[in-house]
Each structure stands twice: as structure tokens, then as C-alpha cells.
Amino acid sequence: MIVLGLTGSIGMGKSTTAKLFAEAGVPVYDADATVHMIYEGEAVPAIEAVFPGTTAGGKVDRARLSAQVVHDPAAMKRLEQVVHPMLRAYHQKFLSDAEASAAPVAVVDVPLLYETGGEKRVDAVVVVTTTPEIQRERILARDNMTDEKLNAILARQLPDAEKRKRADFVVDTSHGLDPVRARIRDILAAAVKMPRRRS
């Protein structure tokens, strides 16, 4: 089984691309959805212990947690030390299940793939991109998004040009869904012929 790492900066169309991979019959692991799940379950006591006052009603209050970590790299590191081992366990289970289902290709959708060294754990990387204008427009249309928040998020992400340079495949979402579907078909056809690279 070939594992594709799907990544891209905020607002590039990565979630839509992940849905289109799933639509093509590919098992897709969604790192963000897994974070949401553990933030309503097993991660709650550990996060409350490290960041008191960031949980309420048995859930992590993402706004409060974000306020404590977004401008503090050391706090972000502590949060990752709590959350990453839990996420790794779900990731491993996903890969075992996908392998057991005899899927030729599986996709792991990880927003900070390059930033966390995740490219070593996949066979090839698919980077989703669009123009800076479309990216900004998409992001600023989101609820509670401000220029300041956006700049803080972008500061933590590897620049799009650098991601594209390092990618095995690039998907451009600037022109609607049909070109993306066609690109996914090409990527899947190429992926099944690739050697396994992940460590």
C-alpha cells in the first residue's frame, strides 16, 4: 500500500481535496478531525493539567487554548507533547485498517506535515495550492477570522512556494472541482507504480 501525505497551507482547498480522494474510494485519515475527537475525550484531562482553565464541560475550549499557545512556541511544544502520542495511535490504527482492507493507496491529511517531519512517514507528498488572493479571500470569509489571526497561523506554516518545491504532486484548486478530480485520478495512477519510501 502506498501512503500519500496530503498537505497545504490554510485556505488552499485541502479539506475539499481530501473529500475528493475519499469520493474516489481512497481511505483518508483526517488529522484535524482526530484532534477534534480527542479534544472532546481522552485529551481533556491531560490538557487541563498542563493548561489550567482551557477546558469546560468535559471538552477543550479551543479558543481559550489557542489564546494560551498561539503566540508562545514553548507552550505549543508542550501541547504537542500531550497530543501527538494520542494522534500517532489513531494514525497507526488507520494505516492497519487500510492495509487490511487491501487498499492500494491511502491518504493521510496532515495540515503541518512538513513542519512536523511527517514527510518521512509517507511514500509521497501531495501539496494543495491556490493563488494568494483566493487563499486570503477563503480564509477571511471564515467565522472569527481576522488578519492578525491569519498572520499568526501563516507564520507557523512553511511557505506555499517551499511546500510546492518539495512536493511529489501538486493539486491546484483555483479552477473548481473538475480539474481537481482529474488531477486526483492522475495522482492515483502514478502512486500505485511508486516504490514505498516511508521509514
N, C-alpha and C. Protein backbone atom coordinates (compact mmCIF):
# COMPACT_ATOMS: atom_id res chain seq x y z
N MET A 1 0.84 -1.20 0.00
CA MET A 1 0.00 0.00 0.00
C MET A 1 0.88 1.25 0.00
N ILE A 2 0.53 2.20 -0.84
CA ILE A 2 1.26 3.46 -0.90
C ILE A 2 0.49 4.49 -0.05
N VAL A 3 1.23 5.18 0.80
CA VAL A 3 0.61 6.20 1.66
C VAL A 3 0.99 7.58 1.13
N LEU A 4 -0.04 8.36 0.78
CA LEU A 4 0.18 9.73 0.32
C LEU A 4 -0.08 10.69 1.48
N GLY A 5 0.84 11.61 1.71
CA GLY A 5 0.62 12.66 2.70
C GLY A 5 -0.01 13.84 1.98
N LEU A 6 -1.17 14.27 2.46
CA LEU A 6 -1.86 15.40 1.83
C LEU A 6 -1.69 16.61 2.73
N THR A 7 -1.16 17.69 2.17
CA THR A 7 -0.95 18.88 2.99
C THR A 7 -1.13 20.13 2.14
N GLY A 8 -1.07 21.27 2.79
CA GLY A 8 -1.24 22.54 2.11
C GLY A 8 -1.54 23.57 3.16
N SER A 9 -1.18 24.79 2.89
CA SER A 9 -1.41 25.87 3.85
C SER A 9 -2.90 26.12 4.02
N ILE A 10 -3.25 26.85 5.06
CA ILE A 10 -4.65 27.16 5.35
C ILE A 10 -5.31 27.84 4.14
N GLY A 11 -6.55 27.45 3.85
CA GLY A 11 -7.31 28.12 2.79
C GLY A 11 -6.97 27.69 1.37
N MET A 12 -6.15 26.63 1.23
CA MET A 12 -5.74 26.20 -0.11
C MET A 12 -6.74 25.24 -0.76
N GLY A 13 -7.64 24.67 0.05
CA GLY A 13 -8.60 23.71 -0.51
C GLY A 13 -8.25 22.28 -0.17
N LYS A 14 -7.46 22.10 0.88
CA LYS A 14 -7.02 20.75 1.27
C LYS A 14 -8.17 19.87 1.71
N SER A 15 -9.10 20.41 2.51
CA SER A 15 -10.22 19.59 3.01
C SER A 15 -11.09 19.13 1.85
N THR A 16 -11.32 20.01 0.89
CA THR A 16 -12.10 19.64 -0.29
C THR A 16 -11.38 18.56 -1.08
N THR A 17 -10.06 18.71 -1.23
CA THR A 17 -9.27 17.71 -1.97
C THR A 17 -9.33 16.37 -1.25
N ALA A 18 -9.25 16.39 0.08
CA ALA A 18 -9.35 15.14 0.86
C ALA A 18 -10.69 14.46 0.59
N LYS A 19 -11.78 15.25 0.57
CA LYS A 19 -13.12 14.69 0.28
C LYS A 19 -13.16 14.05 -1.10
N LEU A 20 -12.48 14.68 -2.06
CA LEU A 20 -12.48 14.14 -3.42
C LEU A 20 -11.65 12.85 -3.52
N PHE A 21 -10.59 12.74 -2.72
CA PHE A 21 -9.86 11.46 -2.64
C PHE A 21 -10.79 10.39 -2.07
N ALA A 22 -11.52 10.73 -1.02
CA ALA A 22 -12.46 9.77 -0.41
C ALA A 22 -13.54 9.38 -1.42
N GLU A 23 -14.01 10.37 -2.17
CA GLU A 23 -15.03 10.12 -3.21
C GLU A 23 -14.51 9.14 -4.26
N ALA A 24 -13.18 9.17 -4.49
CA ALA A 24 -12.55 8.26 -5.46
C ALA A 24 -12.30 6.88 -4.84
N GLY A 25 -12.77 6.67 -3.61
CA GLY A 25 -12.65 5.35 -2.98
C GLY A 25 -11.38 5.13 -2.18
N VAL A 26 -10.65 6.20 -1.91
CA VAL A 26 -9.39 6.08 -1.17
C VAL A 26 -9.65 6.29 0.32
N PRO A 27 -9.12 5.40 1.21
CA PRO A 27 -9.24 5.66 2.65
C PRO A 27 -8.46 6.93 3.01
N VAL A 28 -9.10 7.84 3.76
CA VAL A 28 -8.46 9.12 4.12
C VAL A 28 -8.46 9.28 5.63
N TYR A 29 -7.28 9.56 6.18
CA TYR A 29 -7.14 9.86 7.61
C TYR A 29 -7.12 11.37 7.78
N ASP A 30 -8.01 11.89 8.60
CA ASP A 30 -8.12 13.33 8.80
C ASP A 30 -7.55 13.70 10.18
N ALA A 31 -6.34 14.26 10.18
CA ALA A 31 -5.68 14.59 11.45
C ALA A 31 -6.48 15.61 12.24
N ASP A 32 -7.04 16.62 11.56
CA ASP A 32 -7.83 17.65 12.26
C ASP A 32 -9.06 17.06 12.94
N ALA A 33 -9.77 16.17 12.22
CA ALA A 33 -10.97 15.55 12.80
C ALA A 33 -10.60 14.72 14.03
N THR A 34 -9.42 14.09 13.98
CA THR A 34 -8.97 13.28 15.12
C THR A 34 -8.65 14.19 16.30
N VAL A 35 -8.06 15.36 16.03
CA VAL A 35 -7.80 16.33 17.11
C VAL A 35 -9.12 16.75 17.74
N HIS A 36 -10.11 17.07 16.91
CA HIS A 36 -11.43 17.46 17.45
C HIS A 36 -11.97 16.37 18.37
N MET A 37 -11.82 15.12 17.92
CA MET A 37 -12.37 14.00 18.69
C MET A 37 -11.66 13.86 20.05
N ILE A 38 -10.34 13.92 20.05
CA ILE A 38 -9.65 13.75 21.34
C ILE A 38 -9.83 14.97 22.24
N TYR A 39 -10.10 16.15 21.63
CA TYR A 39 -10.37 17.36 22.41
C TYR A 39 -11.73 17.28 23.11
N GLU A 40 -12.52 16.29 22.72
CA GLU A 40 -13.80 16.07 23.41
C GLU A 40 -13.75 14.79 24.22
N GLY A 41 -12.56 14.22 24.36
CA GLY A 41 -12.45 12.93 25.04
C GLY A 41 -11.15 12.80 25.81
N GLU A 42 -10.31 11.86 25.33
CA GLU A 42 -9.15 11.45 26.13
C GLU A 42 -8.12 12.54 26.41
N ALA A 43 -8.04 13.58 25.57
CA ALA A 43 -7.00 14.60 25.79
C ALA A 43 -7.40 15.62 26.85
N VAL A 44 -8.69 15.66 27.20
CA VAL A 44 -9.20 16.74 28.07
C VAL A 44 -8.47 16.82 29.42
N PRO A 45 -8.38 15.71 30.18
CA PRO A 45 -7.71 15.84 31.50
C PRO A 45 -6.24 16.24 31.38
N ALA A 46 -5.55 15.69 30.38
CA ALA A 46 -4.11 16.00 30.21
C ALA A 46 -3.92 17.47 29.84
N ILE A 47 -4.78 18.00 28.97
CA ILE A 47 -4.64 19.40 28.56
C ILE A 47 -4.99 20.33 29.72
N GLU A 48 -6.02 19.99 30.48
CA GLU A 48 -6.39 20.80 31.65
C GLU A 48 -5.24 20.84 32.66
N ALA A 49 -4.54 19.71 32.81
CA ALA A 49 -3.43 19.64 33.76
C ALA A 49 -2.28 20.56 33.34
N VAL A 50 -2.02 20.63 32.02
CA VAL A 50 -0.89 21.43 31.52
C VAL A 50 -1.30 22.90 31.31
N PHE A 51 -2.55 23.09 30.90
CA PHE A 51 -3.06 24.46 30.63
C PHE A 51 -4.36 24.67 31.42
N PRO A 52 -4.24 24.94 32.74
CA PRO A 52 -5.45 25.08 33.56
C PRO A 52 -6.40 26.14 33.02
N GLY A 53 -7.70 25.83 33.07
CA GLY A 53 -8.71 26.80 32.64
C GLY A 53 -9.01 26.76 31.15
N THR A 54 -8.46 25.76 30.42
CA THR A 54 -8.70 25.72 28.97
C THR A 54 -9.75 24.67 28.60
N THR A 55 -10.36 24.04 29.60
CA THR A 55 -11.42 23.09 29.28
C THR A 55 -12.69 23.50 30.02
N ALA A 56 -13.83 23.09 29.44
CA ALA A 56 -15.12 23.39 30.07
C ALA A 56 -16.13 22.37 29.58
N GLY A 57 -16.95 21.88 30.50
CA GLY A 57 -18.00 20.94 30.12
C GLY A 57 -17.45 19.66 29.51
N GLY A 58 -16.28 19.22 30.00
CA GLY A 58 -15.70 17.97 29.50
C GLY A 58 -15.08 18.07 28.12
N LYS A 59 -14.86 19.30 27.64
CA LYS A 59 -14.26 19.48 26.32
C LYS A 59 -13.15 20.52 26.42
N VAL A 60 -12.22 20.46 25.49
CA VAL A 60 -11.22 21.52 25.38
C VAL A 60 -11.90 22.73 24.74
N ASP A 61 -11.73 23.89 25.37
CA ASP A 61 -12.23 25.13 24.78
C ASP A 61 -11.14 25.64 23.84
N ARG A 62 -11.33 25.41 22.56
CA ARG A 62 -10.26 25.68 21.58
C ARG A 62 -9.86 27.15 21.57
N ALA A 63 -10.80 28.05 21.79
CA ALA A 63 -10.47 29.49 21.77
C ALA A 63 -9.55 29.83 22.94
N ARG A 64 -9.89 29.29 24.13
CA ARG A 64 -9.04 29.56 25.31
C ARG A 64 -7.66 28.93 25.15
N LEU A 65 -7.64 27.70 24.65
CA LEU A 65 -6.36 27.01 24.46
C LEU A 65 -5.51 27.77 23.44
N SER A 66 -6.13 28.16 22.34
CA SER A 66 -5.44 28.89 21.29
C SER A 66 -4.83 30.18 21.84
N ALA A 67 -5.60 30.88 22.69
CA ALA A 67 -5.11 32.14 23.28
C ALA A 67 -3.84 31.89 24.09
N GLN A 68 -3.72 30.70 24.72
CA GLN A 68 -2.53 30.41 25.54
C GLN A 68 -1.33 29.95 24.73
N VAL A 69 -1.57 29.36 23.54
CA VAL A 69 -0.43 28.77 22.83
C VAL A 69 -0.04 29.47 21.54
N VAL A 70 -0.97 30.24 20.92
CA VAL A 70 -0.73 30.71 19.55
C VAL A 70 0.51 31.61 19.43
N HIS A 71 0.81 32.42 20.45
CA HIS A 71 1.99 33.29 20.35
C HIS A 71 3.15 32.81 21.23
N ASP A 72 3.08 31.55 21.68
CA ASP A 72 4.08 31.05 22.62
C ASP A 72 4.61 29.69 22.16
N PRO A 73 5.75 29.71 21.44
CA PRO A 73 6.29 28.46 20.89
C PRO A 73 6.53 27.38 21.96
N ALA A 74 6.96 27.77 23.17
CA ALA A 74 7.22 26.78 24.22
C ALA A 74 5.91 26.11 24.66
N ALA A 75 4.85 26.91 24.76
CA ALA A 75 3.53 26.35 25.12
C ALA A 75 3.03 25.43 24.01
N MET A 76 3.24 25.82 22.77
CA MET A 76 2.84 24.99 21.63
C MET A 76 3.54 23.64 21.69
N LYS A 77 4.82 23.66 22.04
CA LYS A 77 5.62 22.43 22.17
C LYS A 77 5.01 21.52 23.26
N ARG A 78 4.64 22.13 24.40
CA ARG A 78 4.05 21.33 25.50
C ARG A 78 2.73 20.71 25.05
N LEU A 79 1.95 21.48 24.31
CA LEU A 79 0.68 20.96 23.81
C LEU A 79 0.93 19.77 22.87
N GLU A 80 1.90 19.91 21.99
CA GLU A 80 2.22 18.82 21.05
C GLU A 80 2.67 17.57 21.79
N GLN A 81 3.41 17.75 22.90
CA GLN A 81 3.87 16.58 23.68
C GLN A 81 2.69 15.81 24.28
N VAL A 82 1.61 16.52 24.57
CA VAL A 82 0.41 15.87 25.11
C VAL A 82 -0.36 15.16 23.99
N VAL A 83 -0.53 15.88 22.88
CA VAL A 83 -1.48 15.45 21.85
C VAL A 83 -0.87 14.46 20.85
N HIS A 84 0.40 14.65 20.47
CA HIS A 84 0.97 13.84 19.39
C HIS A 84 0.97 12.33 19.66
N PRO A 85 1.32 11.87 20.87
CA PRO A 85 1.28 10.41 21.08
C PRO A 85 -0.13 9.84 20.88
N MET A 86 -1.16 10.58 21.29
CA MET A 86 -2.54 10.10 21.10
C MET A 86 -2.86 10.03 19.61
N LEU A 87 -2.46 11.08 18.89
CA LEU A 87 -2.74 11.11 17.45
C LEU A 87 -2.01 10.00 16.72
N ARG A 88 -0.76 9.72 17.14
CA ARG A 88 0.00 8.65 16.48
C ARG A 88 -0.71 7.31 16.58
N ALA A 89 -1.33 7.05 17.73
CA ALA A 89 -2.04 5.77 17.92
C ALA A 89 -3.20 5.65 16.93
N TYR A 90 -3.96 6.73 16.74
CA TYR A 90 -5.08 6.70 15.78
C TYR A 90 -4.57 6.56 14.35
N HIS A 91 -3.47 7.22 14.07
CA HIS A 91 -2.86 7.18 12.74
C HIS A 91 -2.45 5.74 12.41
N GLN A 92 -1.79 5.08 13.37
CA GLN A 92 -1.35 3.69 13.17
C GLN A 92 -2.54 2.77 12.92
N LYS A 93 -3.61 2.96 13.69
CA LYS A 93 -4.80 2.12 13.53
C LYS A 93 -5.41 2.34 12.15
N PHE A 94 -5.46 3.58 11.70
CA PHE A 94 -5.98 3.88 10.37
C PHE A 94 -5.18 3.12 9.30
N LEU A 95 -3.84 3.19 9.40
CA LEU A 95 -3.00 2.53 8.40
C LEU A 95 -3.19 1.02 8.43
N SER A 96 -3.29 0.43 9.63
CA SER A 96 -3.51 -1.03 9.72
C SER A 96 -4.83 -1.41 9.09
N ASP A 97 -5.89 -0.61 9.38
CA ASP A 97 -7.21 -0.91 8.82
C ASP A 97 -7.20 -0.78 7.30
N ALA A 98 -6.54 0.27 6.79
CA ALA A 98 -6.48 0.49 5.34
C ALA A 98 -5.73 -0.66 4.66
N GLU A 99 -4.62 -1.07 5.29
CA GLU A 99 -3.82 -2.19 4.78
C GLU A 99 -4.67 -3.46 4.77
N ALA A 100 -5.41 -3.69 5.85
CA ALA A 100 -6.26 -4.89 5.96
C ALA A 100 -7.37 -4.89 4.92
N SER A 101 -7.82 -3.69 4.51
CA SER A 101 -8.89 -3.62 3.51
C SER A 101 -8.35 -3.77 2.09
N ALA A 102 -7.02 -3.99 1.97
CA ALA A 102 -6.35 -4.18 0.68
C ALA A 102 -6.42 -2.94 -0.22
N ALA A 103 -6.50 -1.76 0.40
CA ALA A 103 -6.50 -0.52 -0.38
C ALA A 103 -5.12 -0.35 -1.02
N PRO A 104 -5.05 -0.04 -2.34
CA PRO A 104 -3.73 0.15 -2.96
C PRO A 104 -3.07 1.45 -2.52
N VAL A 105 -3.91 2.46 -2.19
CA VAL A 105 -3.39 3.77 -1.78
C VAL A 105 -4.22 4.26 -0.60
N ALA A 106 -3.56 4.89 0.37
CA ALA A 106 -4.27 5.55 1.47
C ALA A 106 -3.73 6.97 1.56
N VAL A 107 -4.58 7.89 2.05
CA VAL A 107 -4.18 9.29 2.17
C VAL A 107 -4.23 9.70 3.63
N VAL A 108 -3.16 10.35 4.11
CA VAL A 108 -3.20 10.95 5.44
C VAL A 108 -3.18 12.46 5.26
N ASP A 109 -4.24 13.09 5.75
CA ASP A 109 -4.44 14.53 5.59
C ASP A 109 -3.88 15.20 6.85
N VAL A 110 -2.69 15.82 6.71
CA VAL A 110 -2.00 16.40 7.86
C VAL A 110 -1.61 17.84 7.52
N PRO A 111 -2.28 18.84 8.15
CA PRO A 111 -2.00 20.24 7.81
C PRO A 111 -0.53 20.61 7.95
N LEU A 112 0.11 20.23 9.06
CA LEU A 112 1.51 20.63 9.29
C LEU A 112 2.46 19.46 9.00
N LEU A 113 2.29 18.83 7.85
CA LEU A 113 3.08 17.64 7.51
C LEU A 113 4.58 17.94 7.49
N TYR A 114 4.99 18.95 6.71
CA TYR A 114 6.42 19.28 6.62
C TYR A 114 6.94 19.85 7.94
N GLU A 115 6.09 20.66 8.59
CA GLU A 115 6.52 21.33 9.81
C GLU A 115 6.80 20.33 10.95
N THR A 116 6.18 19.14 10.87
CA THR A 116 6.36 18.14 11.94
C THR A 116 7.20 16.95 11.48
N GLY A 117 7.84 17.06 10.30
CA GLY A 117 8.68 15.96 9.80
C GLY A 117 7.87 14.78 9.29
N GLY A 118 6.57 14.99 9.04
CA GLY A 118 5.69 13.90 8.63
C GLY A 118 5.98 13.33 7.26
N GLU A 119 6.74 14.09 6.43
CA GLU A 119 7.01 13.57 5.08
C GLU A 119 7.83 12.29 5.11
N LYS A 120 8.53 12.03 6.25
CA LYS A 120 9.31 10.80 6.37
C LYS A 120 8.41 9.58 6.62
N ARG A 121 7.16 9.85 7.03
CA ARG A 121 6.25 8.74 7.36
C ARG A 121 5.26 8.42 6.24
N VAL A 122 5.48 9.04 5.06
CA VAL A 122 4.62 8.75 3.91
C VAL A 122 5.50 8.40 2.71
N ASP A 123 4.87 7.86 1.65
CA ASP A 123 5.64 7.48 0.46
C ASP A 123 5.77 8.62 -0.53
N ALA A 124 4.80 9.52 -0.53
CA ALA A 124 4.84 10.68 -1.43
C ALA A 124 3.97 11.77 -0.83
N VAL A 125 4.26 13.02 -1.21
CA VAL A 125 3.51 14.15 -0.65
C VAL A 125 2.73 14.85 -1.75
N VAL A 126 1.44 15.11 -1.45
CA VAL A 126 0.57 15.87 -2.34
C VAL A 126 0.34 17.22 -1.67
N VAL A 127 0.72 18.30 -2.35
CA VAL A 127 0.52 19.64 -1.81
C VAL A 127 -0.62 20.31 -2.56
N VAL A 128 -1.56 20.86 -1.80
CA VAL A 128 -2.71 21.56 -2.37
C VAL A 128 -2.40 23.06 -2.35
N THR A 129 -2.68 23.72 -3.46
CA THR A 129 -2.31 25.14 -3.57
C THR A 129 -3.40 25.93 -4.30
N THR A 130 -3.31 27.22 -4.20
CA THR A 130 -4.13 28.15 -4.99
C THR A 130 -3.39 29.48 -5.02
N THR A 131 -3.99 30.50 -5.59
CA THR A 131 -3.32 31.81 -5.63
C THR A 131 -3.41 32.46 -4.24
N PRO A 132 -2.46 33.35 -3.90
CA PRO A 132 -2.53 34.04 -2.60
C PRO A 132 -3.84 34.83 -2.44
N GLU A 133 -4.36 35.35 -3.55
CA GLU A 133 -5.60 36.14 -3.47
C GLU A 133 -6.78 35.26 -3.08
N ILE A 134 -6.89 34.10 -3.75
CA ILE A 134 -8.00 33.17 -3.43
C ILE A 134 -7.84 32.66 -2.01
N GLN A 135 -6.60 32.34 -1.62
CA GLN A 135 -6.34 31.84 -0.26
C GLN A 135 -6.85 32.84 0.79
N ARG A 136 -6.44 34.10 0.66
CA ARG A 136 -6.84 35.13 1.64
C ARG A 136 -8.35 35.31 1.69
N GLU A 137 -8.95 35.32 0.50
CA GLU A 137 -10.40 35.51 0.39
C GLU A 137 -11.14 34.36 1.11
N ARG A 138 -10.68 33.12 0.89
CA ARG A 138 -11.32 31.96 1.52
C ARG A 138 -11.19 32.03 3.04
N ILE A 139 -10.02 32.38 3.51
CA ILE A 139 -9.77 32.35 4.96
C ILE A 139 -10.54 33.46 5.67
N LEU A 140 -10.49 34.67 5.10
CA LEU A 140 -11.12 35.80 5.77
C LEU A 140 -12.65 35.70 5.73
N ALA A 141 -13.17 34.79 4.91
CA ALA A 141 -14.62 34.55 4.88
C ALA A 141 -15.07 33.66 6.05
N ARG A 142 -14.09 33.04 6.75
CA ARG A 142 -14.43 32.15 7.87
C ARG A 142 -14.87 32.95 9.08
N ASP A 143 -15.69 32.29 9.92
CA ASP A 143 -16.13 32.93 11.17
C ASP A 143 -14.93 33.23 12.06
N ASN A 144 -14.97 34.33 12.75
CA ASN A 144 -13.96 34.70 13.75
C ASN A 144 -12.54 34.82 13.21
N MET A 145 -12.39 34.96 11.91
CA MET A 145 -11.03 35.08 11.37
C MET A 145 -10.69 36.56 11.17
N THR A 146 -9.50 36.91 11.66
CA THR A 146 -9.04 38.29 11.49
C THR A 146 -7.69 38.25 10.77
N ASP A 147 -7.25 39.40 10.26
CA ASP A 147 -5.94 39.47 9.61
C ASP A 147 -4.83 39.04 10.57
N GLU A 148 -4.97 39.48 11.83
CA GLU A 148 -3.93 39.17 12.83
C GLU A 148 -3.85 37.67 13.08
N LYS A 149 -5.01 37.03 13.24
CA LYS A 149 -5.06 35.58 13.46
C LYS A 149 -4.48 34.85 12.26
N LEU A 150 -4.86 35.30 11.09
CA LEU A 150 -4.38 34.66 9.86
C LEU A 150 -2.86 34.76 9.77
N ASN A 151 -2.31 35.93 10.08
CA ASN A 151 -0.85 36.10 10.00
C ASN A 151 -0.13 35.20 11.01
N ALA A 152 -0.74 35.01 12.20
CA ALA A 152 -0.14 34.11 13.21
C ALA A 152 -0.14 32.67 12.70
N ILE A 153 -1.22 32.26 12.04
CA ILE A 153 -1.31 30.89 11.51
C ILE A 153 -0.28 30.71 10.39
N LEU A 154 -0.23 31.68 9.48
CA LEU A 154 0.70 31.56 8.35
C LEU A 154 2.15 31.56 8.82
N ALA A 155 2.43 32.26 9.92
CA ALA A 155 3.81 32.29 10.43
C ALA A 155 4.28 30.91 10.89
N ARG A 156 3.32 30.06 11.30
CA ARG A 156 3.68 28.70 11.76
C ARG A 156 3.80 27.72 10.60
N GLN A 157 3.32 28.12 9.42
CA GLN A 157 3.30 27.20 8.29
C GLN A 157 4.44 27.50 7.32
N LEU A 158 5.01 26.44 6.78
CA LEU A 158 6.03 26.58 5.75
C LEU A 158 5.40 27.32 4.57
N PRO A 159 6.12 28.26 3.94
CA PRO A 159 5.51 28.99 2.82
C PRO A 159 5.07 28.05 1.70
N ASP A 160 3.98 28.42 1.04
CA ASP A 160 3.41 27.60 -0.02
C ASP A 160 4.44 27.26 -1.10
N ALA A 161 5.24 28.24 -1.51
CA ALA A 161 6.23 28.00 -2.59
C ALA A 161 7.21 26.90 -2.19
N GLU A 162 7.59 26.90 -0.92
CA GLU A 162 8.53 25.88 -0.40
C GLU A 162 7.86 24.51 -0.40
N LYS A 163 6.59 24.46 0.01
CA LYS A 163 5.86 23.17 0.00
C LYS A 163 5.77 22.62 -1.41
N ARG A 164 5.42 23.50 -2.35
CA ARG A 164 5.27 23.05 -3.75
C ARG A 164 6.59 22.51 -4.28
N LYS A 165 7.69 23.17 -3.90
CA LYS A 165 9.02 22.75 -4.37
C LYS A 165 9.35 21.34 -3.86
N ARG A 166 8.91 21.03 -2.63
CA ARG A 166 9.25 19.75 -2.03
C ARG A 166 8.25 18.63 -2.34
N ALA A 167 7.13 19.00 -2.96
CA ALA A 167 6.04 18.04 -3.18
C ALA A 167 6.37 17.05 -4.29
N ASP A 168 5.77 15.86 -4.19
CA ASP A 168 5.82 14.90 -5.31
C ASP A 168 4.71 15.24 -6.31
N PHE A 169 3.58 15.69 -5.79
CA PHE A 169 2.43 16.06 -6.63
C PHE A 169 1.85 17.37 -6.12
N VAL A 170 1.38 18.22 -7.03
CA VAL A 170 0.73 19.48 -6.65
C VAL A 170 -0.68 19.47 -7.22
N VAL A 171 -1.65 19.87 -6.40
CA VAL A 171 -3.03 20.00 -6.84
C VAL A 171 -3.41 21.47 -6.72
N ASP A 172 -3.81 22.08 -7.84
CA ASP A 172 -4.21 23.49 -7.83
C ASP A 172 -5.74 23.55 -7.77
N THR A 173 -6.27 24.19 -6.73
CA THR A 173 -7.73 24.24 -6.54
C THR A 173 -8.34 25.56 -7.03
N SER A 174 -7.59 26.31 -7.84
CA SER A 174 -8.05 27.64 -8.26
C SER A 174 -9.19 27.61 -9.28
N HIS A 175 -9.39 26.45 -9.93
CA HIS A 175 -10.30 26.44 -11.08
C HIS A 175 -11.49 25.50 -10.90
N GLY A 176 -11.93 25.29 -9.67
CA GLY A 176 -13.11 24.45 -9.46
C GLY A 176 -12.78 22.98 -9.25
N LEU A 177 -13.82 22.16 -9.11
CA LEU A 177 -13.63 20.77 -8.68
C LEU A 177 -13.22 19.81 -9.79
N ASP A 178 -13.70 20.03 -11.01
CA ASP A 178 -13.42 19.03 -12.05
C ASP A 178 -11.92 18.86 -12.34
N PRO A 179 -11.16 19.97 -12.46
CA PRO A 179 -9.72 19.78 -12.66
C PRO A 179 -9.07 19.06 -11.46
N VAL A 180 -9.60 19.27 -10.26
CA VAL A 180 -9.04 18.59 -9.08
C VAL A 180 -9.33 17.09 -9.17
N ARG A 181 -10.55 16.74 -9.56
CA ARG A 181 -10.89 15.30 -9.72
C ARG A 181 -9.97 14.64 -10.76
N ALA A 182 -9.74 15.34 -11.85
CA ALA A 182 -8.88 14.79 -12.91
C ALA A 182 -7.46 14.61 -12.39
N ARG A 183 -6.98 15.60 -11.65
CA ARG A 183 -5.62 15.54 -11.09
C ARG A 183 -5.50 14.37 -10.11
N ILE A 184 -6.54 14.15 -9.30
CA ILE A 184 -6.52 13.03 -8.34
C ILE A 184 -6.43 11.70 -9.09
N ARG A 185 -7.17 11.57 -10.19
CA ARG A 185 -7.07 10.32 -10.98
C ARG A 185 -5.64 10.10 -11.46
N ASP A 186 -5.00 11.17 -11.93
CA ASP A 186 -3.60 11.06 -12.40
C ASP A 186 -2.67 10.66 -11.25
N ILE A 187 -2.88 11.29 -10.10
CA ILE A 187 -2.01 11.01 -8.94
C ILE A 187 -2.16 9.55 -8.51
N LEU A 188 -3.39 9.06 -8.46
CA LEU A 188 -3.62 7.67 -8.04
C LEU A 188 -2.99 6.69 -9.03
N ALA A 189 -3.10 7.01 -10.31
CA ALA A 189 -2.49 6.13 -11.33
C ALA A 189 -0.98 6.09 -11.17
N ALA A 190 -0.38 7.24 -10.85
CA ALA A 190 1.08 7.30 -10.66
C ALA A 190 1.49 6.65 -9.33
N ALA A 191 0.67 6.86 -8.31
CA ALA A 191 1.05 6.39 -6.96
C ALA A 191 1.18 4.87 -6.90
N VAL A 192 0.27 4.15 -7.57
CA VAL A 192 0.33 2.68 -7.47
C VAL A 192 1.60 2.11 -8.10
N LYS A 193 2.28 2.91 -8.92
CA LYS A 193 3.53 2.42 -9.55
C LYS A 193 4.77 2.85 -8.77
N MET A 194 4.55 3.60 -7.68
CA MET A 194 5.71 4.16 -6.95
C MET A 194 6.32 3.14 -5.99
N PRO A 195 7.63 3.29 -5.73
CA PRO A 195 8.24 2.46 -4.67
C PRO A 195 7.83 3.00 -3.29
N ARG A 196 7.81 2.13 -2.32
CA ARG A 196 7.49 2.55 -0.96
C ARG A 196 8.70 3.27 -0.37
N ARG A 197 8.50 4.44 0.18
CA ARG A 197 9.63 5.24 0.69
C ARG A 197 9.59 5.47 2.19
N ARG A 198 8.42 5.29 2.80
CA ARG A 198 8.30 5.75 4.19
C ARG A 198 9.17 4.92 5.12
N SER A 199 9.66 5.61 6.19
CA SER A 199 10.53 4.91 7.13
C SER A 199 9.70 4.31 8.24
